[in-house]
């Protein structure tokens, strides 16, 4: 009996360690919103990650008026490829970006393809999903519907995981990018939200917050109100193998050094739990 108990404990520990060791963790560039991409990439490595979720972020002081976007010139794109390669960082998603016509969506996909990005984060209206689904199939990409909080000016209903699950259910190339911070701020039980979107998670903006209301702010993963361990356990039970992107706003008074340390704590928590 004692031997069987010890075996169960050992297997549980092994599964936990295995899950943490194999989780894919990246950082959304907004985490270092005050820095350029060139400045933030070394910090991503410093925090223990090798992947970013890219957005329309300032590129470099070398190109002071340029943002990472499909409108970049060849020279600017080559510069971005260079600094990504130098820092050994891969781009696993781009967005949130939501062009509304086929020409613009194709331009976005061509841009993503050039950087080997397979997931576009967007907030398309339900009537546009058929077009997004078709083009995703053509380009071998996924679109992941991102949510803001229930007080958002654009698409406030997307805060509800049931609404998103129903909206995307029939489209094989349309997935979700759940933002757990915005869920928590909107009063959503994040573990239940992850269950609701089962099999439709492409990538997550994985966050923890100090309390569950609209005034909340980000805190290191595992120290807040969102049951981070249970969220990770639920994702493991679904065999989720996509990226958990830390989009860590942090308390607005934080210095850059404090933010780096808190992001490191978040990465450590995800790896160990």
Protein backbone atom coordinates (compact mmCIF):
# COMPACT_ATOMS: atom_id res chain seq x y z
CA UNK A 1 0.00 0.00 0.00
CA UNK A 2 2.79 2.38 0.97
CA UNK A 3 4.69 1.47 -2.21
CA UNK A 4 1.64 2.24 -4.36
CA UNK A 5 1.24 5.59 -2.62
CA UNK A 6 4.88 6.47 -3.27
CA UNK A 7 4.51 5.51 -6.94
CA UNK A 8 1.50 7.81 -7.28
CA UNK A 9 3.41 10.67 -5.65
CA UNK A 10 6.41 10.08 -7.93
CA UNK A 11 4.27 9.96 -11.06
CA UNK A 12 2.41 13.12 -10.09
CA UNK A 13 5.69 14.93 -9.49
CA UNK A 14 7.13 13.64 -12.77
CA UNK A 15 4.10 14.73 -14.76
CA UNK A 16 4.22 18.19 -13.14
CA UNK A 17 7.91 18.63 -13.89
CA UNK A 18 7.49 17.31 -17.42
CA UNK A 19 4.61 19.69 -18.13
CA UNK A 20 6.51 22.70 -16.85
CA UNK A 21 9.68 21.82 -18.72
CA UNK A 22 7.85 21.47 -22.01
CA UNK A 23 5.69 24.58 -21.85
CA UNK A 24 6.31 27.14 -24.57
CA UNK A 25 6.73 30.60 -23.04
CA UNK A 26 7.16 33.88 -24.87
CA UNK A 27 6.78 37.59 -24.18
CA UNK A 28 4.38 39.94 -25.90
CA UNK A 29 6.37 42.99 -26.97
CA UNK A 30 3.86 45.32 -25.28
CA UNK A 31 5.43 44.16 -21.99
CA UNK A 32 8.31 46.51 -22.83
CA UNK A 33 6.19 49.13 -24.54
CA UNK A 34 8.55 52.01 -23.79
CA UNK A 35 11.48 50.32 -25.54
CA UNK A 36 12.12 49.66 -29.20
CA UNK A 37 12.20 46.11 -30.54
CA UNK A 38 15.95 46.38 -30.85
CA UNK A 39 16.21 47.34 -27.18
CA UNK A 40 13.77 44.77 -25.82
CA UNK A 41 14.98 41.62 -27.60
CA UNK A 42 18.01 41.14 -25.30
CA UNK A 43 15.67 41.49 -22.31
CA UNK A 44 13.52 38.64 -23.62
CA UNK A 45 16.57 36.37 -23.44
CA UNK A 46 17.43 37.79 -20.02
CA UNK A 47 13.97 36.78 -18.82
CA UNK A 48 14.49 33.19 -19.98
CA UNK A 49 12.52 33.19 -23.21
CA UNK A 50 13.35 32.77 -26.90
CA UNK A 51 10.05 33.87 -28.47
CA UNK A 52 7.96 37.01 -28.79
CA UNK A 53 4.48 37.92 -29.77
CA UNK A 54 5.12 40.89 -32.03
CA UNK A 55 2.78 43.82 -32.45
CA UNK A 56 2.89 47.21 -34.12
CA UNK A 57 5.90 48.12 -32.02
CA UNK A 58 8.57 50.77 -32.58
CA UNK A 59 11.44 49.13 -34.45
CA UNK A 60 14.65 50.95 -33.50
CA UNK A 61 16.21 54.32 -32.82
CA UNK A 62 17.89 53.80 -36.15
CA UNK A 63 14.40 54.07 -37.70
CA UNK A 64 12.69 56.42 -35.22
CA UNK A 65 9.38 56.69 -37.07
CA UNK A 66 9.02 53.03 -38.09
CA UNK A 67 6.71 50.50 -36.48
CA UNK A 68 6.78 46.76 -37.13
CA UNK A 69 4.03 46.32 -39.70
CA UNK A 70 3.32 45.22 -43.28
CA UNK A 71 4.20 48.76 -44.39
CA UNK A 72 7.90 48.34 -43.59
CA UNK A 73 10.39 48.70 -46.43
CA UNK A 74 12.70 45.87 -47.48
CA UNK A 75 15.57 47.57 -45.66
CA UNK A 76 13.56 47.81 -42.45
CA UNK A 77 12.40 44.20 -42.64
CA UNK A 78 15.95 43.01 -43.21
CA UNK A 79 17.04 44.98 -40.15
CA UNK A 80 14.32 43.27 -38.08
CA UNK A 81 15.42 39.85 -39.34
CA UNK A 82 18.98 40.72 -38.41
CA UNK A 83 18.27 41.70 -34.81
CA UNK A 84 15.97 38.70 -34.31
CA UNK A 85 18.72 36.40 -35.56
CA UNK A 86 21.40 38.08 -33.44
CA UNK A 87 19.29 37.59 -30.32
CA UNK A 88 18.10 34.09 -31.35
CA UNK A 89 14.46 35.14 -30.94
CA UNK A 90 11.57 33.81 -33.01
CA UNK A 91 8.29 35.58 -33.67
CA UNK A 92 5.38 33.26 -32.89
CA UNK A 93 2.49 35.65 -33.46
CA UNK A 94 1.72 39.07 -34.84
CA UNK A 95 -1.05 41.37 -33.71
CA UNK A 96 -3.52 42.43 -32.62
CA UNK A 97 -4.09 43.55 -36.22
CA UNK A 98 -7.50 43.50 -37.87
CA UNK A 99 -7.58 44.63 -41.51
CA UNK A 100 -11.08 44.40 -42.91
CA UNK A 101 -10.73 43.73 -46.65
CA UNK A 102 -9.13 40.90 -48.57
CA UNK A 103 -6.31 42.97 -50.05
CA UNK A 104 -5.20 44.23 -46.64
CA UNK A 105 -5.50 40.82 -45.00
CA UNK A 106 -3.38 39.30 -47.77
CA UNK A 107 -0.78 42.00 -47.24
CA UNK A 108 -0.71 41.13 -43.53
CA UNK A 109 -0.36 37.42 -44.27
CA UNK A 110 2.46 38.01 -46.74
CA UNK A 111 4.26 40.02 -44.10
CA UNK A 112 3.76 37.29 -41.49
CA UNK A 113 4.88 34.62 -43.93
CA UNK A 114 8.17 36.45 -44.51
CA UNK A 115 8.95 36.07 -40.79
CA UNK A 116 7.59 32.50 -40.58
CA UNK A 117 4.77 33.62 -38.30
CA UNK A 118 1.90 31.12 -38.20
CA UNK A 119 -0.59 32.93 -35.95
CA UNK A 120 -2.23 36.31 -36.49
CA UNK A 121 -3.98 37.87 -33.50
CA UNK A 122 -7.05 39.80 -34.58
CA UNK A 123 -10.53 40.88 -33.55
CA UNK A 124 -12.61 40.36 -36.69
CA UNK A 125 -16.36 40.73 -36.59
CA UNK A 126 -18.37 37.50 -36.99
CA UNK A 127 -19.38 38.38 -40.56
CA UNK A 128 -15.69 38.60 -41.56
CA UNK A 129 -14.67 35.19 -40.24
CA UNK A 130 -15.47 33.31 -43.43
CA UNK A 131 -12.94 35.47 -45.30
CA UNK A 132 -10.30 35.11 -42.58
CA UNK A 133 -10.85 31.35 -42.48
CA UNK A 134 -10.46 31.06 -46.25
CA UNK A 135 -7.24 33.07 -46.38
CA UNK A 136 -5.78 31.24 -43.37
CA UNK A 137 -6.29 27.99 -45.26
CA UNK A 138 -4.62 29.43 -48.33
CA UNK A 139 -1.58 30.70 -46.36
CA UNK A 140 -1.44 27.78 -43.89
CA UNK A 141 -1.93 30.11 -40.93
CA UNK A 142 -4.29 30.53 -38.02
CA UNK A 143 -6.14 33.61 -36.90
CA UNK A 144 -6.65 33.80 -33.13
CA UNK A 145 -9.47 35.99 -31.88
CA UNK A 146 -8.19 38.17 -29.05
CA UNK A 147 -10.38 39.59 -26.29
CA UNK A 148 -10.19 42.79 -24.35
CA UNK A 149 -12.27 43.47 -21.23
CA UNK A 150 -16.02 43.95 -21.09
CA UNK A 151 -15.62 47.74 -21.06
CA UNK A 152 -13.66 47.79 -24.33
CA UNK A 153 -14.79 50.29 -26.94
CA UNK A 154 -14.34 47.71 -29.71
CA UNK A 155 -15.94 44.25 -29.59
CA UNK A 156 -16.76 44.31 -25.85
CA UNK A 157 -18.69 41.03 -26.20
CA UNK A 158 -15.43 39.20 -26.95
CA UNK A 159 -14.66 39.22 -23.22
CA UNK A 160 -17.13 36.31 -22.93
CA UNK A 161 -15.42 32.99 -23.81
CA UNK A 162 -18.78 31.38 -24.63
CA UNK A 163 -19.51 34.10 -27.18
CA UNK A 164 -16.11 33.60 -28.83
CA UNK A 165 -16.41 29.79 -28.71
CA UNK A 166 -19.79 29.90 -30.46
CA UNK A 167 -18.58 32.51 -32.96
CA UNK A 168 -15.54 30.53 -34.14
CA UNK A 169 -16.82 26.95 -33.76
CA UNK A 170 -17.51 26.23 -37.42
CA UNK A 171 -14.28 27.69 -38.81
CA UNK A 172 -11.37 25.22 -38.80
CA UNK A 173 -8.68 27.90 -39.18
CA UNK A 174 -10.10 30.35 -36.64
CA UNK A 175 -8.97 29.96 -33.03
CA UNK A 176 -8.83 31.99 -29.82
CA UNK A 177 -6.13 34.05 -28.15
CA UNK A 178 -7.55 34.22 -24.65
CA UNK A 179 -6.25 37.14 -22.60
CA UNK A 180 -6.60 35.93 -19.03
CA UNK A 181 -5.95 39.38 -17.60
CA UNK A 182 -8.88 40.89 -19.47
CA UNK A 183 -11.01 37.86 -18.55
CA UNK A 184 -10.22 38.35 -14.87
CA UNK A 185 -10.86 42.08 -15.00
CA UNK A 186 -14.26 41.26 -16.53
CA UNK A 187 -15.21 38.80 -13.78
CA UNK A 188 -14.64 35.65 -15.83
CA UNK A 189 -13.49 32.48 -14.08
CA UNK A 190 -10.35 31.87 -16.14
CA UNK A 191 -10.19 28.12 -15.53
CA UNK A 192 -13.76 27.79 -16.76
CA UNK A 193 -12.97 30.08 -19.69
CA UNK A 194 -10.10 27.81 -20.74
CA UNK A 195 -12.46 24.83 -20.52
CA UNK A 196 -15.07 26.65 -22.62
CA UNK A 197 -12.60 27.21 -25.46
CA UNK A 198 -11.21 23.67 -25.35
CA UNK A 199 -9.52 22.61 -28.62
CA UNK A 200 -9.68 26.19 -29.90
CA UNK A 201 -6.68 27.70 -28.12
CA UNK A 202 -3.99 28.75 -30.58
CA UNK A 203 -2.02 30.90 -28.15
CA UNK A 204 -2.72 32.76 -24.90
CA UNK A 205 -1.90 36.11 -23.40
CA UNK A 206 -1.23 34.56 -20.01
CA UNK A 207 -1.50 37.03 -17.16
CA UNK A 208 -2.26 37.33 -13.47
CA UNK A 209 -3.84 40.34 -11.79
CA UNK A 210 -4.10 41.67 -8.27
CA UNK A 211 -7.91 41.45 -8.08
CA UNK A 212 -10.88 40.54 -10.24
CA UNK A 213 -12.34 43.84 -11.32
CA UNK A 214 -11.82 46.47 -14.00
CA UNK A 215 -9.36 48.48 -11.88
CA UNK A 216 -6.94 45.54 -11.60
CA UNK A 217 -3.33 45.60 -12.75
CA UNK A 218 -0.82 42.87 -13.67
CA UNK A 219 1.25 41.08 -11.05
CA UNK A 220 3.74 38.23 -11.39
CA UNK A 221 2.10 34.96 -12.42
CA UNK A 222 1.06 32.96 -9.37
CA UNK A 223 0.86 35.90 -6.96
CA UNK A 224 -2.53 37.25 -7.99
CA UNK A 225 -6.23 36.41 -8.08
CA UNK A 226 -6.50 34.20 -11.19
CA UNK A 227 -5.68 30.67 -9.96
CA UNK A 228 -2.65 30.36 -12.21
CA UNK A 229 -1.83 26.79 -11.15
CA UNK A 230 -5.33 25.63 -12.03
CA UNK A 231 -5.17 27.42 -15.38
CA UNK A 232 -1.93 25.64 -16.23
CA UNK A 233 -3.34 22.32 -15.07
CA UNK A 234 -6.40 22.76 -17.28
CA UNK A 235 -4.24 23.60 -20.30
CA UNK A 236 -2.12 20.51 -19.57
CA UNK A 237 -5.25 18.37 -19.41
CA UNK A 238 -6.14 19.63 -22.91
CA UNK A 239 -2.62 18.80 -24.16
CA UNK A 240 -2.14 22.42 -25.12
CA UNK A 241 1.29 22.86 -26.68
CA UNK A 242 1.05 26.42 -27.98
CA UNK A 243 2.72 29.50 -26.57
CA UNK A 244 1.87 31.25 -23.33
CA UNK A 245 2.74 34.88 -24.03
CA UNK A 246 3.40 37.08 -21.02
CA UNK A 247 1.83 40.45 -21.73
CA UNK A 248 2.91 42.02 -18.50
CA UNK A 249 1.86 45.60 -18.02
CA UNK A 250 2.80 45.56 -14.35
CA UNK A 251 2.08 48.30 -11.85
CA UNK A 252 2.65 51.61 -13.58
CA UNK A 253 5.21 52.75 -10.98
CA UNK A 254 7.54 49.83 -11.73
CA UNK A 255 10.99 50.61 -12.97
CA UNK A 256 12.35 48.63 -15.92
CA UNK A 257 14.54 46.64 -13.51
CA UNK A 258 11.52 45.77 -11.37
CA UNK A 259 9.55 44.72 -14.42
CA UNK A 260 12.36 42.44 -15.64
CA UNK A 261 12.54 40.74 -12.24
CA UNK A 262 8.76 40.25 -12.14
CA UNK A 263 8.70 38.81 -15.65
CA UNK A 264 11.49 36.43 -14.61
CA UNK A 265 9.36 35.34 -11.63
CA UNK A 266 6.45 34.69 -14.00
CA UNK A 267 8.57 32.58 -16.34
CA UNK A 268 9.93 30.60 -13.39
CA UNK A 269 6.44 29.98 -12.05
CA UNK A 270 5.16 28.65 -15.37
CA UNK A 271 8.18 26.38 -15.77
CA UNK A 272 7.87 24.97 -12.25
CA UNK A 273 4.10 24.52 -12.05
